[in-house]
C-alpha atoms as a PDB file:
ATOM      1  CA  MET A   1      34.409 -42.318  42.512  1.00  0.00           C
ATOM      2  CA  SER A   2      35.231 -43.838  45.694  1.00  0.00           C
ATOM      3  CA  ALA A   3      38.048 -45.806  45.480  1.00  0.00           C
ATOM      4  CA  GLY A   4      35.471 -48.673  47.565  1.00  0.00           C
ATOM      5  CA  PHE A   5      32.979 -48.056  45.335  1.00  0.00           C
ATOM      6  CA  ARG A   6      34.832 -49.895  42.480  1.00  0.00           C
ATOM      7  CA  ASP A   7      34.779 -52.893  45.240  1.00  0.00           C
ATOM      8  CA  LEU A   8      31.168 -53.415  45.254  1.00  0.00           C
ATOM      9  CA  LYS A   9      29.709 -55.924  43.274  1.00  0.00           C
ATOM     10  CA  VAL A  10      26.822 -54.057  41.552  1.00  0.00           C
ATOM     11  CA  TRP A  11      29.346 -51.552  39.807  1.00  0.00           C
ATOM     12  CA  GLN A  12      31.188 -54.519  38.968  1.00  0.00           C
ATOM     13  CA  ARG A  13      28.269 -56.238  37.652  1.00  0.00           C
ATOM     14  CA  SER A  14      27.249 -53.226  35.520  1.00  0.00           C
ATOM     15  CA  LYS A  15      30.811 -52.471  33.793  1.00  0.00           C
ATOM     16  CA  ALA A  16      30.896 -56.103  32.884  1.00  0.00           C
ATOM     17  CA  LEU A  17      27.232 -55.690  31.141  1.00  0.00           C
ATOM     18  CA  ALA A  18      28.264 -52.563  29.658  1.00  0.00           C
ATOM     19  CA  VAL A  19      31.627 -54.610  27.862  1.00  0.00           C
ATOM     20  CA  GLU A  20      28.966 -57.453  26.964  1.00  0.00           C
ATOM     21  CA  ILE A  21      26.459 -55.372  25.676  1.00  0.00           C
ATOM     22  CA  TYR A  22      29.560 -53.712  23.268  1.00  0.00           C
ATOM     23  CA  ARG A  23      30.788 -57.338  22.439  1.00  0.00           C
ATOM     24  CA  LEU A  24      26.943 -58.434  21.625  1.00  0.00           C
ATOM     25  CA  THR A  25      26.593 -55.230  19.632  1.00  0.00           C
ATOM     26  CA  ASN A  26      29.830 -55.735  17.372  1.00  0.00           C
ATOM     27  CA  ARG A  27      28.133 -58.634  15.439  1.00  0.00           C
ATOM     28  CA  SER A  28      26.148 -58.599  12.950  1.00  0.00           C
ATOM     29  CA  PRO A  29      23.395 -58.175  12.099  1.00  0.00           C
ATOM     30  CA  LEU A  30      23.314 -55.786  15.215  1.00  0.00           C
ATOM     31  CA  SER A  31      26.364 -53.829  14.268  1.00  0.00           C
ATOM     32  CA  GLY A  32      24.573 -52.317  11.283  1.00  0.00           C
ATOM     33  CA  ASP A  33      21.802 -51.186  12.923  1.00  0.00           C
ATOM     34  CA  PHE A  34      23.205 -47.994  14.173  1.00  0.00           C
ATOM     35  CA  ALA A  35      20.277 -46.755  16.295  1.00  0.00           C
ATOM     36  CA  LEU A  36      19.237 -49.718  18.013  1.00  0.00           C
ATOM     37  CA  ARG A  37      23.199 -50.402  18.832  1.00  0.00           C
ATOM     38  CA  ASP A  38      24.367 -47.076  19.849  1.00  0.00           C
ATOM     39  CA  GLN A  39      21.138 -46.781  22.636  1.00  0.00           C
ATOM     40  CA  MET A  40      22.099 -50.225  23.627  1.00  0.00           C
ATOM     41  CA  ARG A  41      25.854 -49.065  24.175  1.00  0.00           C
ATOM     42  CA  ARG A  42      24.591 -45.631  25.366  1.00  0.00           C
ATOM     43  CA  ALA A  43      21.887 -47.507  27.973  1.00  0.00           C
ATOM     44  CA  ALA A  44      24.707 -50.043  29.020  1.00  0.00           C
ATOM     45  CA  ILE A  45      27.255 -47.344  30.009  1.00  0.00           C
ATOM     46  CA  SER A  46      24.201 -45.377  31.710  1.00  0.00           C
ATOM     47  CA  VAL A  47      23.818 -47.927  34.774  1.00  0.00           C
ATOM     48  CA  CYS A  48      27.714 -48.202  36.105  1.00  0.00           C
ATOM     49  CA  SER A  49      27.811 -44.332  35.075  1.00  0.00           C
ATOM     50  CA  ASN A  50      24.915 -43.113  37.378  1.00  0.00           C
ATOM     51  CA  LEU A  51      26.067 -45.588  39.751  1.00  0.00           C
ATOM     52  CA  ALA A  52      29.420 -44.221  40.053  1.00  0.00           C
ATOM     53  CA  GLU A  53      28.199 -40.830  40.333  1.00  0.00           C
ATOM     54  CA  GLY A  54      25.997 -41.268  42.676  1.00  0.00           C
ATOM     55  CA  ASP A  55      28.464 -42.546  44.716  1.00  0.00           C
ATOM     56  CA  SER A  56      30.340 -39.077  44.497  1.00  0.00           C
ATOM     57  CA  ARG A  57      27.605 -37.281  45.833  1.00  0.00           C
ATOM     58  CA  GLN A  58      27.492 -35.778  49.245  1.00  0.00           C
ATOM     59  CA  THR A  59      24.146 -36.795  50.662  1.00  0.00           C
ATOM     60  CA  ASN A  60      21.934 -40.141  50.476  1.00  0.00           C
ATOM     61  CA  LYS A  61      19.395 -38.181  49.011  1.00  0.00           C
ATOM     62  CA  GLU A  62      21.410 -36.938  45.882  1.00  0.00           C
ATOM     63  CA  ALA A  63      23.170 -40.383  45.996  1.00  0.00           C
ATOM     64  CA  VAL A  64      19.625 -42.370  45.578  1.00  0.00           C
ATOM     65  CA  GLN A  65      18.475 -39.979  42.769  1.00  0.00           C
ATOM     66  CA  PHE A  66      21.682 -41.248  40.719  1.00  0.00           C
ATOM     67  CA  PHE A  67      20.973 -45.164  41.510  1.00  0.00           C
ATOM     68  CA  PHE A  68      17.336 -44.781  40.206  1.00  0.00           C
ATOM     69  CA  ILE A  69      18.478 -42.586  37.112  1.00  0.00           C
ATOM     70  CA  ALA A  70      20.931 -45.865  36.814  1.00  0.00           C
ATOM     71  CA  LYS A  71      17.742 -48.243  37.193  1.00  0.00           C
ATOM     72  CA  GLY A  72      16.263 -46.709  34.317  1.00  0.00           C
ATOM     73  CA  SER A  73      19.253 -47.113  32.275  1.00  0.00           C
ATOM     74  CA  LEU A  74      18.970 -50.685  33.232  1.00  0.00           C
ATOM     75  CA  ALA A  75      15.189 -51.189  32.251  1.00  0.00           C
ATOM     76  CA  GLU A  76      15.743 -49.043  29.144  1.00  0.00           C
ATOM     77  CA  LEU A  77      18.513 -51.499  28.148  1.00  0.00           C
ATOM     78  CA  SER A  78      16.235 -54.939  28.944  1.00  0.00           C
ATOM     79  CA  ALA A  79      13.579 -53.094  26.418  1.00  0.00           C
ATOM     80  CA  GLN A  80      15.821 -52.431  23.670  1.00  0.00           C
ATOM     81  CA  LEU A  81      17.420 -55.933  24.395  1.00  0.00           C
ATOM     82  CA  GLU A  82      14.103 -57.925  24.133  1.00  0.00           C
ATOM     83  CA  ILE A  83      13.321 -55.692  20.352  1.00  0.00           C
ATOM     84  CA  ALA A  84      16.623 -57.008  19.061  1.00  0.00           C
ATOM     85  CA  GLN A  85      15.403 -60.532  20.117  1.00  0.00           C
ATOM     86  CA  ALA A  86      12.529 -59.802  18.310  1.00  0.00           C
ATOM     87  CA  VAL A  87      13.473 -58.742  15.223  1.00  0.00           C
ATOM     88  CA  HIS A  88      15.779 -61.079  15.579  1.00  0.00           C
ATOM     89  CA  ALA A  89      19.466 -59.181  15.476  1.00  0.00           C
ATOM     90  CA  LEU A  90      20.665 -61.427  18.588  1.00  0.00           C
ATOM     91  CA  ASP A  91      19.468 -64.838  19.623  1.00  0.00           C
ATOM     92  CA  ASP A  92      16.946 -66.078  22.409  1.00  0.00           C
ATOM     93  CA  ALA A  93      20.469 -68.504  23.538  1.00  0.00           C
ATOM     94  CA  VAL A  94      22.444 -64.394  23.925  1.00  0.00           C
ATOM     95  CA  VAL A  95      19.457 -62.824  25.325  1.00  0.00           C
ATOM     96  CA  THR A  96      17.961 -64.645  27.918  1.00  0.00           C
ATOM     97  CA  PRO A  97      21.443 -64.832  30.018  1.00  0.00           C
ATOM     98  CA  VAL A  98      21.582 -60.957  29.445  1.00  0.00           C
ATOM     99  CA  LEU A  99      18.591 -60.406  30.557  1.00  0.00           C
ATOM    100  CA  THR A 100      18.526 -62.346  33.550  1.00  0.00           C
ATOM    101  CA  GLU A 101      21.886 -60.403  34.251  1.00  0.00           C
ATOM    102  CA  CYS A 102      19.982 -56.881  33.950  1.00  0.00           C
ATOM    103  CA  GLU A 103      17.274 -58.527  36.120  1.00  0.00           C
ATOM    104  CA  THR A 104      19.832 -59.594  39.259  1.00  0.00           C
ATOM    105  CA  ILE A 105      21.393 -56.231  38.784  1.00  0.00           C
ATOM    106  CA  GLY A 106      18.239 -54.229  38.997  1.00  0.00           C
ATOM    107  CA  GLY A 107      17.928 -56.620  42.501  1.00  0.00           C
ATOM    108  CA  MET A 108      21.435 -55.141  43.489  1.00  0.00           C
ATOM    109  CA  ILE A 109      20.381 -52.206  42.952  1.00  0.00           C
ATOM    110  CA  ARG A 110      17.189 -51.889  44.756  1.00  0.00           C
ATOM    111  CA  ALA A 111      19.309 -52.996  47.625  1.00  0.00           C
ATOM    112  CA  LEU A 112      21.642 -50.514  47.111  1.00  0.00           C
ATOM    113  CA  ILE A 113      18.680 -47.687  47.196  1.00  0.00           C
ATOM    114  CA  ASN A 114      17.260 -49.416  49.989  1.00  0.00           C
ATOM    115  CA  HIS A 115      20.406 -49.116  52.420  1.00  0.00           C
ATOM    116  CA  ARG A 116      20.670 -45.676  51.519  1.00  0.00           C
ATOM    117  CA  ARG A 117      17.581 -44.549  51.890  1.00  0.00           C
ATOM    118  CA  ILE A 118      18.235 -45.321  55.245  1.00  0.00           C
END
């Protein structure tokens, strides 16, 4: 990953989101639901990892492909958060701001994709 990419807000925010997901999934009762916990962690890590990998690619076409994968992982994470909320593994007060952050990051990734498609 280029040093400049670490300065991009979208990568910083996606990394912070992954850290927050780790914190949330360490809490009970979600800490005992290994399948959902691990899937949420993998999806969150995938967002910032694919942003970084896309940035390292030689062409915009390759970069955009990885940015779309990051966007897909973000959609997975949002769905998993809603499932955790529905089964009462996470409270609404916890999930709502995280879902809002997912929407914000999704918009940032869309903007990045549009910028790199030019």
